[in-house]
Amino acid sequence: MLISPAYAQAAGASTGSDLMTFLPMIAIFVVFYFLLIRPQQKRAKETKLMLEALQKGDEIVTAGGVVGKISRLTDQYAAIEIAPNVEISVQRAAIAQLLPKGTIKAL
């Protein structure tokens, strides 16, 4: 025959324990947890608490960069006064930051 048959080699003994083979994957997961997942959960919790604590008269910045003072609040929306007698309605989730009192006057 021109082509000789190929036979599979017998499986060799394991060079390390099963834990050692998964150790790099476990280490990568731990690094991702502490560098990515945990800080994002903390930031989301702080944002949720800030949105729940909003009240009339607070000065805020929206996600779009609009600065204003809260004139009315509902469960889902906030009316923001951006100039005298000019109000816009935004979703509460669109409020990105709570500013210290008097910030708008300093602008």
C-alpha atoms as a PDB file:
ATOM      1  CA  MET A   1       0.000   0.000   0.000  1.00  0.00           C
ATOM      2  CA  LEU A   2       1.062   3.547  -0.588  1.00  0.00           C
ATOM      3  CA  ILE A   3      -0.497   5.038   2.524  1.00  0.00           C
ATOM      4  CA  SER A   4       0.204   3.442   5.850  1.00  0.00           C
ATOM      5  CA  PRO A   5      -2.551   3.441   8.477  1.00  0.00           C
ATOM      6  CA  ALA A   6      -2.303   6.090  11.236  1.00  0.00           C
ATOM      7  CA  TYR A   7      -3.031   5.051  14.766  1.00  0.00           C
ATOM      8  CA  ALA A   8      -3.942   7.380  17.627  1.00  0.00           C
ATOM      9  CA  GLN A   9      -1.469   7.595  20.436  1.00  0.00           C
ATOM     10  CA  ALA A  10      -2.500   6.536  23.868  1.00  0.00           C
ATOM     11  CA  ALA A  11      -3.545   9.339  26.154  1.00  0.00           C
ATOM     12  CA  GLY A  12      -0.680  10.471  28.353  1.00  0.00           C
ATOM     13  CA  ALA A  13      -0.887  11.034  32.042  1.00  0.00           C
ATOM     14  CA  SER A  14      -2.220  14.393  33.206  1.00  0.00           C
ATOM     15  CA  THR A  15       0.601  16.865  33.890  1.00  0.00           C
ATOM     16  CA  GLY A  16      -1.268  18.735  36.622  1.00  0.00           C
ATOM     17  CA  SER A  17      -4.426  18.624  38.634  1.00  0.00           C
ATOM     18  CA  ASP A  18      -7.732  19.762  37.223  1.00  0.00           C
ATOM     19  CA  LEU A  19      -7.668  22.805  39.496  1.00  0.00           C
ATOM     20  CA  MET A  20      -4.402  23.969  37.982  1.00  0.00           C
ATOM     21  CA  THR A  21      -5.910  23.898  34.499  1.00  0.00           C
ATOM     22  CA  PHE A  22      -8.791  26.171  35.544  1.00  0.00           C
ATOM     23  CA  LEU A  23      -6.709  28.446  37.779  1.00  0.00           C
ATOM     24  CA  PRO A  24      -5.922  31.044  35.057  1.00  0.00           C
ATOM     25  CA  MET A  25      -9.606  31.293  34.138  1.00  0.00           C
ATOM     26  CA  ILE A  26     -10.592  31.738  37.777  1.00  0.00           C
ATOM     27  CA  ALA A  27      -7.902  34.409  38.225  1.00  0.00           C
ATOM     28  CA  ILE A  28      -9.163  36.329  35.177  1.00  0.00           C
ATOM     29  CA  PHE A  29     -12.730  36.240  36.539  1.00  0.00           C
ATOM     30  CA  VAL A  30     -11.569  37.553  39.933  1.00  0.00           C
ATOM     31  CA  VAL A  31      -9.668  40.410  38.256  1.00  0.00           C
ATOM     32  CA  PHE A  32     -12.696  41.308  36.109  1.00  0.00           C
ATOM     33  CA  TYR A  33     -14.933  41.262  39.181  1.00  0.00           C
ATOM     34  CA  PHE A  34     -12.802  43.664  41.191  1.00  0.00           C
ATOM     35  CA  LEU A  35     -11.844  45.973  38.307  1.00  0.00           C
ATOM     36  CA  LEU A  36     -15.071  46.089  36.286  1.00  0.00           C
ATOM     37  CA  ILE A  37     -18.158  44.528  37.835  1.00  0.00           C
ATOM     38  CA  ARG A  38     -17.911  45.700  41.454  1.00  0.00           C
ATOM     39  CA  PRO A  39     -17.186  49.408  40.681  1.00  0.00           C
ATOM     40  CA  GLN A  40     -20.039  49.499  38.147  1.00  0.00           C
ATOM     41  CA  GLN A  41     -22.486  48.072  40.702  1.00  0.00           C
ATOM     42  CA  LYS A  42     -21.337  50.638  43.275  1.00  0.00           C
ATOM     43  CA  ARG A  43     -21.766  53.500  40.788  1.00  0.00           C
ATOM     44  CA  ALA A  44     -25.258  52.264  39.813  1.00  0.00           C
ATOM     45  CA  LYS A  45     -26.282  52.095  43.484  1.00  0.00           C
ATOM     46  CA  GLU A  46     -25.050  55.670  44.114  1.00  0.00           C
ATOM     47  CA  THR A  47     -26.929  56.948  41.041  1.00  0.00           C
ATOM     48  CA  LYS A  48     -30.132  55.225  42.147  1.00  0.00           C
ATOM     49  CA  LEU A  49     -29.877  56.769  45.625  1.00  0.00           C
ATOM     50  CA  MET A  50     -29.218  60.217  44.117  1.00  0.00           C
ATOM     51  CA  LEU A  51     -32.271  59.967  41.844  1.00  0.00           C
ATOM     52  CA  GLU A  52     -34.484  58.886  44.734  1.00  0.00           C
ATOM     53  CA  ALA A  53     -33.288  61.774  46.919  1.00  0.00           C
ATOM     54  CA  LEU A  54     -34.054  64.516  44.366  1.00  0.00           C
ATOM     55  CA  GLN A  55     -36.399  67.262  45.495  1.00  0.00           C
ATOM     56  CA  LYS A  56     -37.812  70.540  44.240  1.00  0.00           C
ATOM     57  CA  GLY A  57     -35.197  73.295  44.103  1.00  0.00           C
ATOM     58  CA  ASP A  58     -32.176  71.032  43.543  1.00  0.00           C
ATOM     59  CA  GLU A  59     -29.740  72.154  40.863  1.00  0.00           C
ATOM     60  CA  ILE A  60     -28.854  69.399  38.403  1.00  0.00           C
ATOM     61  CA  VAL A  61     -27.092  68.525  35.151  1.00  0.00           C
ATOM     62  CA  THR A  62     -28.803  66.242  32.657  1.00  0.00           C
ATOM     63  CA  ALA A  63     -27.077  63.550  30.632  1.00  0.00           C
ATOM     64  CA  GLY A  64     -27.173  65.951  27.666  1.00  0.00           C
ATOM     65  CA  GLY A  65     -25.351  68.659  29.607  1.00  0.00           C
ATOM     66  CA  VAL A  66     -28.331  70.934  30.326  1.00  0.00           C
ATOM     67  CA  VAL A  67     -28.003  72.747  33.659  1.00  0.00           C
ATOM     68  CA  GLY A  68     -31.144  73.739  35.538  1.00  0.00           C
ATOM     69  CA  LYS A  69     -33.182  73.771  38.707  1.00  0.00           C
ATOM     70  CA  ILE A  70     -35.922  71.237  39.447  1.00  0.00           C
ATOM     71  CA  SER A  71     -39.326  72.894  39.577  1.00  0.00           C
ATOM     72  CA  ARG A  72     -41.575  69.787  39.671  1.00  0.00           C
ATOM     73  CA  LEU A  73     -41.048  66.076  40.223  1.00  0.00           C
ATOM     74  CA  THR A  74     -43.140  63.034  39.408  1.00  0.00           C
ATOM     75  CA  ASP A  75     -42.290  59.346  39.589  1.00  0.00           C
ATOM     76  CA  GLN A  76     -40.895  59.238  36.050  1.00  0.00           C
ATOM     77  CA  TYR A  77     -40.297  62.862  34.995  1.00  0.00           C
ATOM     78  CA  ALA A  78     -38.838  66.111  36.280  1.00  0.00           C
ATOM     79  CA  ALA A  79     -39.590  69.629  35.097  1.00  0.00           C
ATOM     80  CA  ILE A  80     -36.326  71.569  34.885  1.00  0.00           C
ATOM     81  CA  GLU A  81     -36.206  75.360  34.814  1.00  0.00           C
ATOM     82  CA  ILE A  82     -33.302  76.233  32.529  1.00  0.00           C
ATOM     83  CA  ALA A  83     -34.025  79.988  32.321  1.00  0.00           C
ATOM     84  CA  PRO A  84     -36.620  82.324  33.858  1.00  0.00           C
ATOM     85  CA  ASN A  85     -40.058  81.093  32.695  1.00  0.00           C
ATOM     86  CA  VAL A  86     -38.500  78.343  30.524  1.00  0.00           C
ATOM     87  CA  GLU A  87     -39.079  74.745  31.597  1.00  0.00           C
ATOM     88  CA  ILE A  88     -38.279  71.425  29.988  1.00  0.00           C
ATOM     89  CA  SER A  89     -39.414  67.959  30.993  1.00  0.00           C
ATOM     90  CA  VAL A  90     -36.854  65.185  31.274  1.00  0.00           C
ATOM     91  CA  GLN A  91     -36.956  61.649  32.535  1.00  0.00           C
ATOM     92  CA  ARG A  92     -35.519  61.208  36.005  1.00  0.00           C
ATOM     93  CA  ALA A  93     -33.027  58.702  34.609  1.00  0.00           C
ATOM     94  CA  ALA A  94     -31.625  61.457  32.353  1.00  0.00           C
ATOM     95  CA  ILE A  95     -30.416  63.413  35.382  1.00  0.00           C
ATOM     96  CA  ALA A  96     -26.688  62.760  35.575  1.00  0.00           C
ATOM     97  CA  GLN A  97     -25.451  64.864  38.475  1.00  0.00           C
ATOM     98  CA  LEU A  98     -26.661  66.841  41.458  1.00  0.00           C
ATOM     99  CA  LEU A  99     -24.909  70.206  41.787  1.00  0.00           C
ATOM    100  CA  PRO A 100     -24.190  72.131  44.985  1.00  0.00           C
ATOM    101  CA  LYS A 101     -26.589  74.998  45.766  1.00  0.00           C
ATOM    102  CA  GLY A 102     -25.674  78.271  44.066  1.00  0.00           C
ATOM    103  CA  THR A 103     -23.831  76.700  41.155  1.00  0.00           C
ATOM    104  CA  ILE A 104     -26.204  78.091  38.545  1.00  0.00           C
ATOM    105  CA  LYS A 105     -25.729  81.665  39.769  1.00  0.00           C
ATOM    106  CA  ALA A 106     -21.952  81.247  39.494  1.00  0.00           C
ATOM    107  CA  LEU A 107     -22.260  80.287  35.802  1.00  0.00           C
END
